[in-house]
Amino acid sequence: MQLKLLNLYRVAAKIAANLVGAFIALIIYQSTNSFAWAFTYVAVFNFFKIFLHKVLRKACQRRPQLMLLLKTIPMLLYSFSVLLLDTQFKVLGIFLILIFKGLSDTLVMAVEFIYSYNSDNKSSTATGFTRLMDILGAVIAILVGGLLLDNIDTWIVIVLSCVIYVIGVIPLCIFALKQRGNKAFNQESTSNAIESYNTNDLKRHQHKFISKRVLSRYFLAYILLCSYDAVITLVGLYIFKENVCLYSQVAYISIAFHGMYGIGGMIAGYLDQKKDLTYVVVLSYVVGGILVCTSPFLINYIWAEILLYGAVGFMLSFMSLFLYSRLMTRCKIMGIGNQALSNREISSYLAQALAAMFCIPGAFMFIPTFFILGISSIANGYFVPKNEEVVRRYLVDYLQNNNMYQ
């Protein structure tokens, strides 16, 4: 039941978060006429989220529904802070947005913990459908938000986003209240083998050793994958550099990217149960990286960019689902699923922060940054299958005592 409520929440939350939030970096650029300000905001914002993630992670693990309800407060505050960007208090507005949006975005990690607690024995198709709910909300928000910001006052869009968010979060909180007294509620699952090893000092040492290795390898894989998280912000600002500042143009590209990502997620989820997608995923990493490198040279051809980022989004769905499903399968066996989810969020923030830092010196760094992001994807096409083999060997050795890792 909670998964159904979570899917409803995902749609509502994505709509609420992206009506204004998807365009913050563009709004800052338009208000300051400075790419340095926009990219400094993105970099500092993501480093700040890493700090907040460390502080709030345990609270989100224990009471994720409450954290999502409390998220309403910073979301409201950062949304109204956007209005300061049209006044003489621009710097204060940027600072308040960074603080409150950072807090709001960080609390979203509670969604992944709820899904993890309730997704045992769920198929890849279920994972694909859940991702589709995310994308549905994002597509609706980006389309409507882009058009609204071009045509009506920002504060009206802000109020609308907050109302939609509250509608989505209240059913989750009611369900959590009804589960009081259920000791299995909001608890991470682990394998029986790991539980039986808790009394063995040597096995505990091996568990710690292997867990660190597994988490670090997946962290690297996600940093390379999450280069795609930085691409849409980068291409949006590049459009503003080359053309008239139209949010609707950025919205069309974002819709193509997220829409095809959602459709691809359903297809990838279905196929992942039937076939080994390793070669398809490797090809997706390589082709996706080449397309990202190509995209800045097509910036004046809006329909070409829409098609290109639609293709990138479709391929990204295969990369993302493949890595996520294996991450959770392997890490839940070791009882480190929550740590893996936490590292996954941090890797996304870090990748976006580093990409933004590359662009702070000036607009001349746009094209090199596109190439860095594209090459990161191509590199991950080599690393991911190698990583899966190494991690599989770690787990087999641990569970069967093939290698004691002292």
Foldseek 3Di string as FASTA:
>chain_A
DLLVLLLLLLLLLLLLCQLPVVCLLVLLCVLVVALLLSLVLLQVLLVVLLVVLVVCLVVLLVCLLVLLVVLLVLLLFLLVLSVCSNDPPNVVSSVSNSVSVSSSVSSCLSSVLQCQLPCVPPFLLSVLQSLLSNLNNNLVSLQNSLVCVVPHDSVVSNVVSSVSNVVSSVVSVVVVVVCPPPPSHSDAAEDPLLVVCPVPPLLVVLLVVLLVVLLVLLLLLLLLLLLVVQLLVLLLVLLVVPHPNGSNLSSLLSSLLSVLLSVLSNVLRVVVVVDDCLVVLLVLLQVLLVLLLVLSVCSVPSVVSSVSSNSNSNSSSNNVSVSVVLLQVLVRNSPCNSVSSSSSSSSNSNSNSVLSVQPSVHPVSSSVSSNVSSVSSNVSSVSVVVSSVVSVVSVCCSSVVVDSND
